[in-house]
Amino acid sequence: MSYYFVAQIAIHDEEEYKKYLKDAGEVFSRFAGKYLAVDANPTVLEGVWDYGRMVIIEFPDRIAFESWYKSPEYQEILQYRLRAARCDTLLVEGV
């Protein structure tokens, strides 16, 4: 069963965030992560959305997700995202 990492991101330091992006895609792919959506201007249908970017990444299963998220490679670059942006992230189980 697929799992989806969903991130709502409000970037306040573009230069620091670029350090995260420099290696993020390569790290995701090593753990079978696949970008499904990256949108800097999603259409809000209901409620209030005060972020600047929405990201959805698919992993084939929870083990692949946890292997990625807890990996030394990801933890090394995660610090840049957390310093550069306000992020609300979720792990969603597919159907």
N, C-alpha and C. Protein backbone atom coordinates (compact mmCIF):
# COMPACT_ATOMS: atom_id res chain seq x y z
N MET A 1 0.84 -1.17 0.00
CA MET A 1 0.00 0.00 0.00
C MET A 1 0.90 1.25 0.00
N SER A 2 0.58 2.19 -0.85
CA SER A 2 1.35 3.43 -0.95
C SER A 2 1.12 4.34 0.25
N TYR A 3 2.14 5.13 0.54
CA TYR A 3 2.06 6.17 1.56
C TYR A 3 2.47 7.48 0.91
N TYR A 4 1.84 8.57 1.37
CA TYR A 4 2.06 9.88 0.77
C TYR A 4 2.55 10.86 1.83
N PHE A 5 3.68 11.46 1.56
CA PHE A 5 4.22 12.52 2.39
C PHE A 5 3.68 13.82 1.82
N VAL A 6 2.92 14.55 2.62
CA VAL A 6 2.28 15.79 2.17
C VAL A 6 2.86 16.93 3.00
N ALA A 7 3.37 17.95 2.31
CA ALA A 7 3.99 19.07 3.01
C ALA A 7 3.39 20.38 2.54
N GLN A 8 3.00 21.21 3.51
CA GLN A 8 2.59 22.58 3.25
C GLN A 8 3.74 23.44 3.76
N ILE A 9 4.28 24.29 2.89
CA ILE A 9 5.52 24.97 3.19
C ILE A 9 5.39 26.48 2.96
N ALA A 10 5.78 27.26 3.95
CA ALA A 10 5.86 28.72 3.83
C ALA A 10 7.33 29.10 3.98
N ILE A 11 7.99 29.36 2.87
CA ILE A 11 9.43 29.64 2.86
C ILE A 11 9.69 31.08 3.28
N HIS A 12 10.61 31.27 4.23
CA HIS A 12 11.00 32.62 4.63
C HIS A 12 12.48 32.90 4.37
N ASP A 13 13.24 31.88 3.93
CA ASP A 13 14.65 32.06 3.60
C ASP A 13 14.96 31.23 2.35
N GLU A 14 14.83 31.86 1.19
CA GLU A 14 15.00 31.15 -0.09
C GLU A 14 16.40 30.56 -0.24
N GLU A 15 17.42 31.25 0.19
CA GLU A 15 18.80 30.75 0.04
C GLU A 15 19.01 29.49 0.86
N GLU A 16 18.51 29.46 2.07
CA GLU A 16 18.63 28.27 2.92
C GLU A 16 17.81 27.12 2.33
N TYR A 17 16.64 27.44 1.80
CA TYR A 17 15.78 26.40 1.21
C TYR A 17 16.44 25.78 -0.03
N LYS A 18 17.19 26.57 -0.77
CA LYS A 18 17.90 26.05 -1.94
C LYS A 18 18.92 24.98 -1.54
N LYS A 19 19.49 25.10 -0.36
CA LYS A 19 20.42 24.07 0.13
C LYS A 19 19.69 22.74 0.31
N TYR A 20 18.45 22.82 0.75
CA TYR A 20 17.63 21.61 0.89
C TYR A 20 17.31 21.02 -0.48
N LEU A 21 16.86 21.86 -1.39
CA LEU A 21 16.46 21.38 -2.72
C LEU A 21 17.61 20.79 -3.52
N LYS A 22 18.81 21.25 -3.26
CA LYS A 22 19.98 20.80 -4.02
C LYS A 22 20.10 19.28 -4.02
N ASP A 23 19.79 18.61 -2.90
CA ASP A 23 19.95 17.16 -2.80
C ASP A 23 18.64 16.41 -2.55
N ALA A 24 17.55 17.11 -2.35
CA ALA A 24 16.31 16.45 -1.94
C ALA A 24 15.82 15.42 -2.96
N GLY A 25 15.76 15.77 -4.22
CA GLY A 25 15.24 14.85 -5.24
C GLY A 25 16.06 13.57 -5.33
N GLU A 26 17.35 13.70 -5.27
CA GLU A 26 18.23 12.53 -5.35
C GLU A 26 18.03 11.63 -4.14
N VAL A 27 17.88 12.23 -2.96
CA VAL A 27 17.66 11.43 -1.75
C VAL A 27 16.31 10.73 -1.82
N PHE A 28 15.25 11.43 -2.26
CA PHE A 28 13.92 10.79 -2.38
C PHE A 28 14.01 9.57 -3.29
N SER A 29 14.66 9.72 -4.43
CA SER A 29 14.69 8.63 -5.41
C SER A 29 15.44 7.41 -4.88
N ARG A 30 16.46 7.60 -4.02
CA ARG A 30 17.18 6.47 -3.44
C ARG A 30 16.28 5.60 -2.58
N PHE A 31 15.22 6.18 -2.06
CA PHE A 31 14.31 5.45 -1.18
C PHE A 31 12.95 5.22 -1.85
N ALA A 32 12.95 5.21 -3.17
CA ALA A 32 11.76 4.94 -3.98
C ALA A 32 10.69 6.01 -3.83
N GLY A 33 11.08 7.21 -3.41
CA GLY A 33 10.13 8.32 -3.35
C GLY A 33 9.92 8.91 -4.73
N LYS A 34 8.70 9.32 -4.99
CA LYS A 34 8.36 9.87 -6.31
C LYS A 34 7.51 11.12 -6.10
N TYR A 35 7.98 12.25 -6.65
CA TYR A 35 7.19 13.47 -6.58
C TYR A 35 5.90 13.28 -7.38
N LEU A 36 4.77 13.56 -6.75
CA LEU A 36 3.49 13.55 -7.46
C LEU A 36 3.02 14.97 -7.74
N ALA A 37 3.36 15.90 -6.85
CA ALA A 37 2.95 17.29 -7.04
C ALA A 37 3.88 18.22 -6.28
N VAL A 38 4.21 19.31 -6.93
CA VAL A 38 4.91 20.44 -6.30
C VAL A 38 4.24 21.67 -6.91
N ASP A 39 3.52 22.41 -6.07
CA ASP A 39 2.72 23.52 -6.58
C ASP A 39 2.91 24.74 -5.70
N ALA A 40 3.38 25.81 -6.30
CA ALA A 40 3.58 27.06 -5.56
C ALA A 40 2.32 27.92 -5.53
N ASN A 41 1.28 27.49 -6.23
CA ASN A 41 0.07 28.29 -6.29
C ASN A 41 -1.17 27.40 -6.41
N PRO A 42 -1.41 26.52 -5.43
CA PRO A 42 -2.60 25.66 -5.53
C PRO A 42 -3.88 26.47 -5.38
N THR A 43 -4.93 25.97 -5.94
CA THR A 43 -6.23 26.62 -5.86
C THR A 43 -6.91 26.22 -4.55
N VAL A 44 -7.22 27.21 -3.72
CA VAL A 44 -7.89 26.95 -2.45
C VAL A 44 -9.38 26.85 -2.72
N LEU A 45 -9.96 25.71 -2.40
CA LEU A 45 -11.39 25.51 -2.62
C LEU A 45 -12.21 25.78 -1.37
N GLU A 46 -11.65 25.48 -0.21
CA GLU A 46 -12.33 25.71 1.05
C GLU A 46 -11.30 26.09 2.10
N GLY A 47 -11.68 26.94 3.01
CA GLY A 47 -10.79 27.31 4.11
C GLY A 47 -9.75 28.33 3.73
N VAL A 48 -8.74 28.43 4.56
CA VAL A 48 -7.67 29.40 4.40
C VAL A 48 -6.36 28.63 4.25
N TRP A 49 -5.55 29.03 3.29
CA TRP A 49 -4.25 28.40 3.06
C TRP A 49 -3.22 29.51 3.01
N ASP A 50 -2.30 29.52 3.98
CA ASP A 50 -1.32 30.60 4.04
C ASP A 50 0.11 30.09 3.85
N TYR A 51 0.26 29.17 2.94
CA TYR A 51 1.57 28.62 2.63
C TYR A 51 1.98 29.08 1.23
N GLY A 52 3.20 28.80 0.87
CA GLY A 52 3.68 29.18 -0.45
C GLY A 52 3.91 28.01 -1.36
N ARG A 53 3.81 26.78 -0.82
CA ARG A 53 4.12 25.61 -1.64
C ARG A 53 3.45 24.39 -1.03
N MET A 54 2.96 23.52 -1.91
CA MET A 54 2.39 22.22 -1.52
C MET A 54 3.20 21.15 -2.23
N VAL A 55 3.63 20.13 -1.49
CA VAL A 55 4.41 19.04 -2.07
C VAL A 55 3.77 17.72 -1.66
N ILE A 56 3.64 16.80 -2.62
CA ILE A 56 3.15 15.45 -2.35
C ILE A 56 4.15 14.47 -2.94
N ILE A 57 4.65 13.57 -2.08
CA ILE A 57 5.62 12.56 -2.50
C ILE A 57 5.06 11.19 -2.17
N GLU A 58 5.09 10.29 -3.13
CA GLU A 58 4.59 8.93 -2.94
C GLU A 58 5.74 7.98 -2.61
N PHE A 59 5.49 7.11 -1.65
CA PHE A 59 6.40 6.02 -1.33
C PHE A 59 5.63 4.71 -1.47
N PRO A 60 6.27 3.64 -1.92
CA PRO A 60 5.55 2.39 -2.18
C PRO A 60 4.95 1.76 -0.93
N ASP A 61 5.54 2.03 0.24
CA ASP A 61 5.02 1.47 1.49
C ASP A 61 5.60 2.27 2.66
N ARG A 62 5.11 1.96 3.83
CA ARG A 62 5.54 2.71 5.03
C ARG A 62 7.02 2.48 5.33
N ILE A 63 7.49 1.27 5.07
CA ILE A 63 8.90 0.97 5.32
C ILE A 63 9.80 1.86 4.47
N ALA A 64 9.45 2.05 3.20
CA ALA A 64 10.25 2.93 2.32
C ALA A 64 10.20 4.36 2.84
N PHE A 65 9.01 4.82 3.26
CA PHE A 65 8.90 6.17 3.80
C PHE A 65 9.79 6.33 5.04
N GLU A 66 9.66 5.42 5.99
CA GLU A 66 10.44 5.53 7.23
C GLU A 66 11.93 5.41 6.97
N SER A 67 12.31 4.56 6.04
CA SER A 67 13.73 4.43 5.68
C SER A 67 14.26 5.74 5.15
N TRP A 68 13.45 6.42 4.31
CA TRP A 68 13.84 7.73 3.77
C TRP A 68 13.90 8.78 4.88
N TYR A 69 12.79 8.92 5.62
CA TYR A 69 12.69 10.02 6.58
C TYR A 69 13.74 9.92 7.68
N LYS A 70 14.03 8.72 8.12
CA LYS A 70 14.99 8.51 9.21
C LYS A 70 16.43 8.34 8.73
N SER A 71 16.63 8.32 7.43
CA SER A 71 17.97 8.08 6.90
C SER A 71 18.92 9.22 7.25
N PRO A 72 20.20 8.91 7.45
CA PRO A 72 21.19 9.97 7.69
C PRO A 72 21.23 10.97 6.54
N GLU A 73 21.04 10.49 5.30
CA GLU A 73 21.07 11.39 4.13
C GLU A 73 19.96 12.43 4.19
N TYR A 74 18.75 11.99 4.57
CA TYR A 74 17.65 12.95 4.64
C TYR A 74 17.77 13.84 5.87
N GLN A 75 18.13 13.27 6.99
CA GLN A 75 18.28 14.06 8.21
C GLN A 75 19.32 15.17 8.02
N GLU A 76 20.34 14.89 7.22
CA GLU A 76 21.37 15.89 6.97
C GLU A 76 20.82 17.11 6.22
N ILE A 77 19.92 16.90 5.25
CA ILE A 77 19.38 18.03 4.50
C ILE A 77 18.11 18.61 5.11
N LEU A 78 17.41 17.83 5.93
CA LEU A 78 16.17 18.30 6.56
C LEU A 78 16.40 19.58 7.36
N GLN A 79 17.54 19.69 7.99
CA GLN A 79 17.84 20.88 8.79
C GLN A 79 17.68 22.17 7.98
N TYR A 80 18.02 22.13 6.69
CA TYR A 80 17.90 23.32 5.85
C TYR A 80 16.43 23.71 5.65
N ARG A 81 15.59 22.71 5.39
CA ARG A 81 14.16 23.01 5.20
C ARG A 81 13.55 23.57 6.47
N LEU A 82 13.88 22.97 7.59
CA LEU A 82 13.29 23.41 8.85
C LEU A 82 13.75 24.80 9.25
N ARG A 83 14.98 25.16 8.90
CA ARG A 83 15.45 26.53 9.19
C ARG A 83 14.88 27.54 8.21
N ALA A 84 14.61 27.11 6.99
CA ALA A 84 14.22 28.03 5.92
C ALA A 84 12.72 28.26 5.81
N ALA A 85 11.91 27.43 6.47
CA ALA A 85 10.47 27.49 6.22
C ALA A 85 9.66 27.00 7.42
N ARG A 86 8.43 27.47 7.44
CA ARG A 86 7.42 26.89 8.34
C ARG A 86 6.78 25.76 7.57
N CYS A 87 6.81 24.57 8.14
CA CYS A 87 6.32 23.40 7.41
C CYS A 87 5.34 22.61 8.27
N ASP A 88 4.22 22.27 7.68
CA ASP A 88 3.29 21.33 8.28
C ASP A 88 3.28 20.12 7.36
N THR A 89 3.65 18.97 7.92
CA THR A 89 3.76 17.76 7.09
C THR A 89 2.90 16.65 7.66
N LEU A 90 2.46 15.80 6.77
CA LEU A 90 1.61 14.65 7.13
C LEU A 90 2.09 13.41 6.39
N LEU A 91 1.82 12.27 6.98
CA LEU A 91 1.97 10.99 6.29
C LEU A 91 0.57 10.44 6.12
N VAL A 92 0.19 10.17 4.88
CA VAL A 92 -1.17 9.71 4.57
C VAL A 92 -1.09 8.34 3.93
N GLU A 93 -1.89 7.40 4.46
CA GLU A 93 -1.94 6.05 3.91
C GLU A 93 -2.88 6.03 2.71
N GLY A 94 -2.40 5.43 1.62
CA GLY A 94 -3.22 5.32 0.41
C GLY A 94 -4.31 4.26 0.57
N VAL A 95 -5.21 4.25 -0.37
CA VAL A 95 -6.31 3.26 -0.35
C VAL A 95 -6.07 2.18 -1.38
